[in-house]
């Protein structure tokens, strides 16, 4: 299966998700990954934007470990207003 290239918006959304998770984590990546049941490398890829379109269950695990709502993450990563920018994140 050939994957279509990501749009700039998809790449930006992945980077924004990574920044949100990294900011919420605050502590050890290894501890959060273990608590979430994913590898530290997977969490690192999400946080650095190297996995810009992770599966929802892959995002849900660290979000749950960090006490974050998937609805909140989705809202803060989605394109916002006509004028540019993204919802809820500088």
PDB file of N, CA and C in Angstrom:
ATOM      1  N   UNK A   1       0.840  -1.177   0.000  1.00  0.00           N
ATOM      2  CA  UNK A   1       0.000   0.000   0.000  1.00  0.00           C
ATOM      3  C   UNK A   1       0.888   1.244   0.000  1.00  0.00           C
ATOM      4  N   UNK A   2       0.587   2.165  -0.878  1.00  0.00           N
ATOM      5  CA  UNK A   2       1.332   3.411  -0.969  1.00  0.00           C
ATOM      6  C   UNK A   2       0.620   4.460  -0.125  1.00  0.00           C
ATOM      7  N   UNK A   3       1.371   5.124   0.697  1.00  0.00           N
ATOM      8  CA  UNK A   3       0.801   6.153   1.567  1.00  0.00           C
ATOM      9  C   UNK A   3       0.968   7.515   0.913  1.00  0.00           C
ATOM     10  N   UNK A   4      -0.099   8.285   0.894  1.00  0.00           N
ATOM     11  CA  UNK A   4      -0.024   9.644   0.358  1.00  0.00           C
ATOM     12  C   UNK A   4       0.844  10.503   1.271  1.00  0.00           C
ATOM     13  N   UNK A   5       1.596  11.427   0.687  1.00  0.00           N
ATOM     14  CA  UNK A   5       2.403  12.324   1.523  1.00  0.00           C
ATOM     15  C   UNK A   5       1.502  13.138   2.452  1.00  0.00           C
ATOM     16  N   UNK A   6       2.029  13.451   3.611  1.00  0.00           N
ATOM     17  CA  UNK A   6       1.282  14.263   4.565  1.00  0.00           C
ATOM     18  C   UNK A   6       1.227  15.710   4.096  1.00  0.00           C
ATOM     19  N   UNK A   7       0.126  16.355   4.379  1.00  0.00           N
ATOM     20  CA  UNK A   7      -0.005  17.776   4.073  1.00  0.00           C
ATOM     21  C   UNK A   7       0.736  18.568   5.148  1.00  0.00           C
ATOM     22  N   UNK A   8       1.056  19.805   4.872  1.00  0.00           N
ATOM     23  CA  UNK A   8       1.678  20.642   5.910  1.00  0.00           C
ATOM     24  C   UNK A   8       0.802  20.728   7.164  1.00  0.00           C
ATOM     25  N   UNK A   9      -0.515  20.744   6.984  1.00  0.00           N
ATOM     26  CA  UNK A   9      -1.426  20.818   8.126  1.00  0.00           C
ATOM     27  C   UNK A   9      -1.343  19.544   8.968  1.00  0.00           C
ATOM     28  N   UNK A  10      -1.235  18.391   8.325  1.00  0.00           N
ATOM     29  CA  UNK A  10      -1.113  17.130   9.060  1.00  0.00           C
ATOM     30  C   UNK A  10       0.207  17.074   9.829  1.00  0.00           C
ATOM     31  N   UNK A  11       1.268  17.541   9.211  1.00  0.00           N
ATOM     32  CA  UNK A  11       2.562  17.577   9.908  1.00  0.00           C
ATOM     33  C   UNK A  11       2.503  18.516  11.108  1.00  0.00           C
ATOM     34  N   UNK A  12       1.909  19.689  10.917  1.00  0.00           N
ATOM     35  CA  UNK A  12       1.791  20.660  12.017  1.00  0.00           C
ATOM     36  C   UNK A  12       0.927  20.099  13.144  1.00  0.00           C
ATOM     37  N   UNK A  13      -0.156  19.422  12.805  1.00  0.00           N
ATOM     38  CA  UNK A  13      -1.020  18.829  13.828  1.00  0.00           C
ATOM     39  C   UNK A  13      -0.240  17.780  14.638  1.00  0.00           C
ATOM     40  N   UNK A  14       0.573  16.966  13.962  1.00  0.00           N
ATOM     41  CA  UNK A  14       1.393  15.982  14.662  1.00  0.00           C
ATOM     42  C   UNK A  14       2.419  16.624  15.577  1.00  0.00           C
ATOM     43  N   UNK A  15       3.037  17.693  15.115  1.00  0.00           N
ATOM     44  CA  UNK A  15       4.013  18.407  15.938  1.00  0.00           C
ATOM     45  C   UNK A  15       3.331  19.042  17.136  1.00  0.00           C
ATOM     46  N   UNK A  16       2.136  19.584  16.927  1.00  0.00           N
ATOM     47  CA  UNK A  16       1.382  20.213  18.020  1.00  0.00           C
ATOM     48  C   UNK A  16       0.990  19.167  19.064  1.00  0.00           C
ATOM     49  N   UNK A  17       0.545  17.998  18.612  1.00  0.00           N
ATOM     50  CA  UNK A  17       0.212  16.914  19.532  1.00  0.00           C
ATOM     51  C   UNK A  17       1.440  16.550  20.360  1.00  0.00           C
ATOM     52  N   UNK A  18       2.570  16.426  19.709  1.00  0.00           N
ATOM     53  CA  UNK A  18       3.804  16.098  20.421  1.00  0.00           C
ATOM     54  C   UNK A  18       4.152  17.126  21.478  1.00  0.00           C
ATOM     55  N   UNK A  19       4.023  18.399  21.132  1.00  0.00           N
ATOM     56  CA  UNK A  19       4.321  19.459  22.107  1.00  0.00           C
ATOM     57  C   UNK A  19       3.369  19.398  23.290  1.00  0.00           C
ATOM     58  N   UNK A  20       2.091  19.126  23.029  1.00  0.00           N
ATOM     59  CA  UNK A  20       1.108  19.030  24.109  1.00  0.00           C
ATOM     60  C   UNK A  20       1.433  17.878  25.058  1.00  0.00           C
ATOM     61  N   UNK A  21       1.741  16.714  24.506  1.00  0.00           N
ATOM     62  CA  UNK A  21       2.077  15.562  25.350  1.00  0.00           C
ATOM     63  C   UNK A  21       3.365  15.812  26.131  1.00  0.00           C
ATOM     64  N   UNK A  22       4.359  16.382  25.476  1.00  0.00           N
ATOM     65  CA  UNK A  22       5.640  16.651  26.141  1.00  0.00           C
ATOM     66  C   UNK A  22       5.445  17.645  27.288  1.00  0.00           C
ATOM     67  N   UNK A  23       4.657  18.689  27.053  1.00  0.00           N
ATOM     68  CA  UNK A  23       4.414  19.684  28.095  1.00  0.00           C
ATOM     69  C   UNK A  23       3.645  19.072  29.268  1.00  0.00           C
ATOM     70  N   UNK A  24       2.684  18.214  28.971  1.00  0.00           N
ATOM     71  CA  UNK A  24       1.899  17.577  30.038  1.00  0.00           C
ATOM     72  C   UNK A  24       2.736  16.564  30.804  1.00  0.00           C
ATOM     73  N   UNK A  25       3.670  15.921  30.114  1.00  0.00           N
ATOM     74  CA  UNK A  25       4.484  14.876  30.745  1.00  0.00           C
ATOM     75  C   UNK A  25       5.339  15.458  31.843  1.00  0.00           C
ATOM     76  N   UNK A  26       6.071  16.486  31.551  1.00  0.00           N
ATOM     77  CA  UNK A  26       6.902  17.122  32.560  1.00  0.00           C
ATOM     78  C   UNK A  26       8.009  16.247  33.128  1.00  0.00           C
ATOM     79  N   UNK A  27       7.743  14.993  33.430  1.00  0.00           N
ATOM     80  CA  UNK A  27       8.727  14.100  34.052  1.00  0.00           C
ATOM     81  C   UNK A  27       9.347  13.137  33.068  1.00  0.00           C
ATOM     82  N   UNK A  28       9.626  11.956  33.561  1.00  0.00           N
ATOM     83  CA  UNK A  28      10.347  10.938  32.807  1.00  0.00           C
ATOM     84  C   UNK A  28       9.523  10.338  31.671  1.00  0.00           C
ATOM     85  N   UNK A  29      10.097  10.362  30.480  1.00  0.00           N
ATOM     86  CA  UNK A  29       9.457   9.749  29.315  1.00  0.00           C
ATOM     87  C   UNK A  29       9.301   8.245  29.538  1.00  0.00           C
ATOM     88  N   UNK A  30      10.316   7.640  30.105  1.00  0.00           N
ATOM     89  CA  UNK A  30      10.292   6.198  30.330  1.00  0.00           C
ATOM     90  C   UNK A  30       9.159   5.807  31.276  1.00  0.00           C
ATOM     91  N   UNK A  31       8.964   6.571  32.342  1.00  0.00           N
ATOM     92  CA  UNK A  31       7.901   6.274  33.312  1.00  0.00           C
ATOM     93  C   UNK A  31       6.522   6.422  32.681  1.00  0.00           C
ATOM     94  N   UNK A  32       6.317   7.486  31.919  1.00  0.00           N
ATOM     95  CA  UNK A  32       5.023   7.701  31.272  1.00  0.00           C
ATOM     96  C   UNK A  32       4.760   6.615  30.244  1.00  0.00           C
ATOM     97  N   UNK A  33       5.764   6.270  29.449  1.00  0.00           N
ATOM     98  CA  UNK A  33       5.601   5.218  28.444  1.00  0.00           C
ATOM     99  C   UNK A  33       5.254   3.892  29.107  1.00  0.00           C
ATOM    100  N   UNK A  34       5.948   3.553  30.171  1.00  0.00           N
ATOM    101  CA  UNK A  34       5.671   2.298  30.880  1.00  0.00           C
ATOM    102  C   UNK A  34       4.262   2.305  31.452  1.00  0.00           C
ATOM    103  N   UNK A  35       3.853   3.420  32.027  1.00  0.00           N
ATOM    104  CA  UNK A  35       2.502   3.543  32.581  1.00  0.00           C
ATOM    105  C   UNK A  35       1.446   3.417  31.491  1.00  0.00           C
ATOM    106  N   UNK A  36       1.783   3.900  30.300  1.00  0.00           N
ATOM    107  CA  UNK A  36       0.847   3.862  29.172  1.00  0.00           C
ATOM    108  C   UNK A  36       0.864   2.520  28.447  1.00  0.00           C
ATOM    109  N   UNK A  37       1.887   1.711  28.704  1.00  0.00           N
ATOM    110  CA  UNK A  37       1.992   0.424  28.021  1.00  0.00           C
ATOM    111  C   UNK A  37       2.513   0.525  26.594  1.00  0.00           C
ATOM    112  N   UNK A  38       3.276   1.569  26.335  1.00  0.00           N
ATOM    113  CA  UNK A  38       3.906   1.729  25.020  1.00  0.00           C
ATOM    114  C   UNK A  38       5.407   1.890  25.234  1.00  0.00           C
ATOM    115  N   UNK A  39       6.174   1.753  24.181  1.00  0.00           N
ATOM    116  CA  UNK A  39       7.621   1.909  24.317  1.00  0.00           C
ATOM    117  C   UNK A  39       7.984   3.390  24.417  1.00  0.00           C
ATOM    118  N   UNK A  40       9.097   3.637  25.070  1.00  0.00           N
ATOM    119  CA  UNK A  40       9.593   5.013  25.154  1.00  0.00           C
ATOM    120  C   UNK A  40       9.888   5.542  23.756  1.00  0.00           C
ATOM    121  N   UNK A  41      10.337   4.674  22.852  1.00  0.00           N
ATOM    122  CA  UNK A  41      10.620   5.105  21.473  1.00  0.00           C
ATOM    123  C   UNK A  41       9.343   5.556  20.771  1.00  0.00           C
ATOM    124  N   UNK A  42       8.245   4.860  20.992  1.00  0.00           N
ATOM    125  CA  UNK A  42       6.965   5.269  20.388  1.00  0.00           C
ATOM    126  C   UNK A  42       6.558   6.636  20.917  1.00  0.00           C
ATOM    127  N   UNK A  43       6.659   6.827  22.221  1.00  0.00           N
ATOM    128  CA  UNK A  43       6.312   8.127  22.810  1.00  0.00           C
ATOM    129  C   UNK A  43       7.244   9.208  22.272  1.00  0.00           C
ATOM    130  N   UNK A  44       8.527   8.901  22.148  1.00  0.00           N
ATOM    131  CA  UNK A  44       9.499   9.861  21.608  1.00  0.00           C
ATOM    132  C   UNK A  44       9.122  10.255  20.180  1.00  0.00           C
ATOM    133  N   UNK A  45       8.740   9.288  19.363  1.00  0.00           N
ATOM    134  CA  UNK A  45       8.358   9.585  17.977  1.00  0.00           C
ATOM    135  C   UNK A  45       7.128  10.487  17.922  1.00  0.00           C
ATOM    136  N   UNK A  46       6.158  10.235  18.784  1.00  0.00           N
ATOM    137  CA  UNK A  46       4.963  11.083  18.804  1.00  0.00           C
ATOM    138  C   UNK A  46       5.336  12.495  19.255  1.00  0.00           C
ATOM    139  N   UNK A  47       6.118  12.592  20.329  1.00  0.00           N
ATOM    140  CA  UNK A  47       6.481  13.897  20.878  1.00  0.00           C
ATOM    141  C   UNK A  47       7.335  14.731  19.932  1.00  0.00           C
ATOM    142  N   UNK A  48       8.131  14.084  19.106  1.00  0.00           N
ATOM    143  CA  UNK A  48       9.006  14.833  18.200  1.00  0.00           C
ATOM    144  C   UNK A  48       8.386  15.054  16.824  1.00  0.00           C
ATOM    145  N   UNK A  49       7.183  14.521  16.608  1.00  0.00           N
ATOM    146  CA  UNK A  49       6.523  14.696  15.322  1.00  0.00           C
ATOM    147  C   UNK A  49       6.974  13.704  14.269  1.00  0.00           C
ATOM    148  N   UNK A  50       7.810  12.740  14.644  1.00  0.00           N
ATOM    149  CA  UNK A  50       8.254  11.729  13.678  1.00  0.00           C
ATOM    150  C   UNK A  50       7.156  10.712  13.399  1.00  0.00           C
ATOM    151  N   UNK A  51       6.115  10.709  14.219  1.00  0.00           N
ATOM    152  CA  UNK A  51       4.929   9.871  13.991  1.00  0.00           C
ATOM    153  C   UNK A  51       3.740  10.829  13.969  1.00  0.00           C
ATOM    154  N   UNK A  52       3.589  11.602  12.883  1.00  0.00           N
ATOM    155  CA  UNK A  52       2.591  12.678  12.870  1.00  0.00           C
ATOM    156  C   UNK A  52       1.140  12.215  12.823  1.00  0.00           C
ATOM    157  N   UNK A  53       0.902  10.960  12.461  1.00  0.00           N
ATOM    158  CA  UNK A  53      -0.477  10.473  12.407  1.00  0.00           C
ATOM    159  C   UNK A  53      -0.591   9.136  13.146  1.00  0.00           C
ATOM    160  N   UNK A  54      -0.295   9.136  14.459  1.00  0.00           N
ATOM    161  CA  UNK A  54      -0.374   7.883  15.205  1.00  0.00           C
ATOM    162  C   UNK A  54      -1.821   7.413  15.337  1.00  0.00           C
ATOM    163  N   UNK A  55      -1.986   6.111  15.511  1.00  0.00           N
ATOM    164  CA  UNK A  55      -3.326   5.556  15.717  1.00  0.00           C
ATOM    165  C   UNK A  55      -3.922   6.137  16.999  1.00  0.00           C
ATOM    166  N   UNK A  56      -5.235   6.247  17.022  1.00  0.00           N
ATOM    167  CA  UNK A  56      -5.891   6.864  18.181  1.00  0.00           C
ATOM    168  C   UNK A  56      -5.597   6.116  19.476  1.00  0.00           C
ATOM    169  N   UNK A  57      -5.523   4.780  19.434  1.00  0.00           N
ATOM    170  CA  UNK A  57      -5.233   4.042  20.664  1.00  0.00           C
ATOM    171  C   UNK A  57      -3.802   4.286  21.135  1.00  0.00           C
ATOM    172  N   UNK A  58      -2.906   4.618  20.204  1.00  0.00           N
ATOM    173  CA  UNK A  58      -1.526   4.924  20.571  1.00  0.00           C
ATOM    174  C   UNK A  58      -1.437   6.283  21.244  1.00  0.00           C
ATOM    175  N   UNK A  59      -2.323   7.188  20.902  1.00  0.00           N
ATOM    176  CA  UNK A  59      -2.379   8.495  21.553  1.00  0.00           C
ATOM    177  C   UNK A  59      -3.156   8.394  22.862  1.00  0.00           C
ATOM    178  N   UNK A  60      -4.204   7.568  22.875  1.00  0.00           N
ATOM    179  CA  UNK A  60      -5.052   7.449  24.065  1.00  0.00           C
ATOM    180  C   UNK A  60      -4.277   6.919  25.266  1.00  0.00           C
ATOM    181  N   UNK A  61      -3.339   6.000  25.041  1.00  0.00           N
ATOM    182  CA  UNK A  61      -2.609   5.399  26.160  1.00  0.00           C
ATOM    183  C   UNK A  61      -1.786   6.434  26.944  1.00  0.00           C
ATOM    184  N   UNK A  62      -0.907   7.216  26.306  1.00  0.00           N
ATOM    185  CA  UNK A  62      -0.180   8.216  27.098  1.00  0.00           C
ATOM    186  C   UNK A  62      -1.091   9.341  27.586  1.00  0.00           C
ATOM    187  N   UNK A  63      -2.124   9.669  26.820  1.00  0.00           N
ATOM    188  CA  UNK A  63      -3.059  10.702  27.281  1.00  0.00           C
ATOM    189  C   UNK A  63      -3.704  10.261  28.591  1.00  0.00           C
ATOM    190  N   UNK A  64      -4.150   9.020  28.636  1.00  0.00           N
ATOM    191  CA  UNK A  64      -4.770   8.486  29.858  1.00  0.00           C
ATOM    192  C   UNK A  64      -3.758   8.489  31.003  1.00  0.00           C
ATOM    193  N   UNK A  65      -2.517   8.068  30.720  1.00  0.00           N
ATOM    194  CA  UNK A  65      -1.480   8.032  31.757  1.00  0.00           C
ATOM    195  C   UNK A  65      -1.189   9.433  32.301  1.00  0.00           C
ATOM    196  N   UNK A  66      -1.383  10.440  31.467  1.00  0.00           N
ATOM    197  CA  UNK A  66      -1.125  11.826  31.871  1.00  0.00           C
ATOM    198  C   UNK A  66      -2.377  12.535  32.376  1.00  0.00           C
ATOM    199  N   UNK A  67      -3.506  11.847  32.372  1.00  0.00           N
ATOM    200  CA  UNK A  67      -4.754  12.461  32.836  1.00  0.00           C
ATOM    201  C   UNK A  67      -5.337  13.450  31.850  1.00  0.00           C
ATOM    202  N   UNK A  68      -5.051  13.263  30.564  1.00  0.00           N
ATOM    203  CA  UNK A  68      -5.558  14.166  29.532  1.00  0.00           C
ATOM    204  C   UNK A  68      -6.758  13.548  28.832  1.00  0.00           C
ATOM    205  N   UNK A  69      -7.689  14.364  28.466  1.00  0.00           N
ATOM    206  CA  UNK A  69      -8.862  13.936  27.717  1.00  0.00           C
ATOM    207  C   UNK A  69      -8.543  13.909  26.227  1.00  0.00           C
ATOM    208  N   UNK A  70      -8.986  12.858  25.556  1.00  0.00           N
ATOM    209  CA  UNK A  70      -8.802  12.789  24.105  1.00  0.00           C
ATOM    210  C   UNK A  70      -9.565  13.923  23.420  1.00  0.00           C
ATOM    211  N   UNK A  71     -10.720  14.276  23.945  1.00  0.00           N
ATOM    212  CA  UNK A  71     -11.484  15.392  23.371  1.00  0.00           C
ATOM    213  C   UNK A  71     -10.684  16.687  23.456  1.00  0.00           C
ATOM    214  N   UNK A  72     -10.049  16.913  24.605  1.00  0.00           N
ATOM    215  CA  UNK A  72      -9.244  18.123  24.773  1.00  0.00           C
ATOM    216  C   UNK A  72      -8.055  18.119  23.818  1.00  0.00           C
ATOM    217  N   UNK A  73      -7.354  16.980  23.729  1.00  0.00           N
ATOM    218  CA  UNK A  73      -6.215  16.901  22.804  1.00  0.00           C
ATOM    219  C   UNK A  73      -6.654  17.147  21.368  1.00  0.00           C
ATOM    220  N   UNK A  74      -7.737  16.507  20.966  1.00  0.00           N
ATOM    221  CA  UNK A  74      -8.224  16.671  19.589  1.00  0.00           C
ATOM    222  C   UNK A  74      -8.587  18.132  19.320  1.00  0.00           C
ATOM    223  N   UNK A  75      -9.265  18.748  20.261  1.00  0.00           N
ATOM    224  CA  UNK A  75      -9.653  20.147  20.085  1.00  0.00           C
ATOM    225  C   UNK A  75      -8.462  21.082  20.013  1.00  0.00           C
ATOM    226  N   UNK A  76      -7.430  20.785  20.786  1.00  0.00           N
ATOM    227  CA  UNK A  76      -6.263  21.650  20.819  1.00  0.00           C
ATOM    228  C   UNK A  76      -5.319  21.412  19.647  1.00  0.00           C
ATOM    229  N   UNK A  77      -5.492  20.289  18.949  1.00  0.00           N
ATOM    230  CA  UNK A  77      -4.639  19.991  17.789  1.00  0.00           C
ATOM    231  C   UNK A  77      -5.321  20.325  16.468  1.00  0.00           C
ATOM    232  N   UNK A  78      -6.618  20.520  16.490  1.00  0.00           N
ATOM    233  CA  UNK A  78      -7.375  20.765  15.262  1.00  0.00           C
ATOM    234  C   UNK A  78      -7.178  22.197  14.777  1.00  0.00           C
ATOM    235  N   UNK A  79      -7.210  22.391  13.459  1.00  0.00           N
ATOM    236  CA  UNK A  79      -7.166  23.755  12.945  1.00  0.00           C
ATOM    237  C   UNK A  79      -8.329  24.545  13.517  1.00  0.00           C
ATOM    238  N   UNK A  80      -8.075  25.784  13.826  1.00  0.00           N
ATOM    239  CA  UNK A  80      -9.101  26.585  14.484  1.00  0.00           C
ATOM    240  C   UNK A  80      -9.821  27.492  13.529  1.00  0.00           C
ATOM    241  N   UNK A  81      -9.524  28.698  13.636  1.00  0.00           N
ATOM    242  CA  UNK A  81     -10.268  29.767  12.977  1.00  0.00           C
ATOM    243  C   UNK A  81      -9.732  30.068  11.597  1.00  0.00           C
ATOM    244  N   UNK A  82     -10.579  30.746  10.833  1.00  0.00           N
ATOM    245  CA  UNK A  82     -10.115  31.225   9.530  1.00  0.00           C
ATOM    246  C   UNK A  82      -9.099  32.307   9.832  1.00  0.00           C
ATOM    247  N   UNK A  83      -8.212  32.683   9.726  1.00  0.00           N
ATOM    248  CA  UNK A  83      -7.228  33.638  10.118  1.00  0.00           C
ATOM    249  C   UNK A  83      -5.939  32.963  10.542  1.00  0.00           C
ATOM    250  N   UNK A  84      -5.942  31.651  10.625  1.00  0.00           N
ATOM    251  CA  UNK A  84      -4.717  30.989  10.992  1.00  0.00           C
ATOM    252  C   UNK A  84      -4.686  30.534  12.421  1.00  0.00           C
ATOM    253  N   UNK A  85      -3.665  29.886  12.779  1.00  0.00           N
ATOM    254  CA  UNK A  85      -3.485  29.405  14.131  1.00  0.00           C
ATOM    255  C   UNK A  85      -4.223  28.116  14.390  1.00  0.00           C
ATOM    256  N   UNK A  86      -4.052  27.631  15.580  1.00  0.00           N
ATOM    257  CA  UNK A  86      -4.716  26.391  16.000  1.00  0.00           C
ATOM    258  C   UNK A  86      -5.434  26.662  17.295  1.00  0.00           C
ATOM    259  N   UNK A  87      -6.432  25.858  17.576  1.00  0.00           N
ATOM    260  CA  UNK A  87      -7.268  26.050  18.762  1.00  0.00           C
ATOM    261  C   UNK A  87      -6.489  25.768  20.031  1.00  0.00           C
ATOM    262  N   UNK A  88      -6.560  26.672  20.966  1.00  0.00           N
ATOM    263  CA  UNK A  88      -6.116  26.421  22.315  1.00  0.00           C
ATOM    264  C   UNK A  88      -4.630  26.286  22.580  1.00  0.00           C
ATOM    265  N   UNK A  89      -3.789  26.392  21.583  1.00  0.00           N
ATOM    266  CA  UNK A  89      -2.343  26.241  21.803  1.00  0.00           C
ATOM    267  C   UNK A  89      -1.619  27.364  21.087  1.00  0.00           C
ATOM    268  N   UNK A  90      -0.731  28.029  21.772  1.00  0.00           N
ATOM    269  CA  UNK A  90      -0.008  29.121  21.118  1.00  0.00           C
ATOM    270  C   UNK A  90       0.930  28.633  20.030  1.00  0.00           C
TER     271      UNK A  90
END
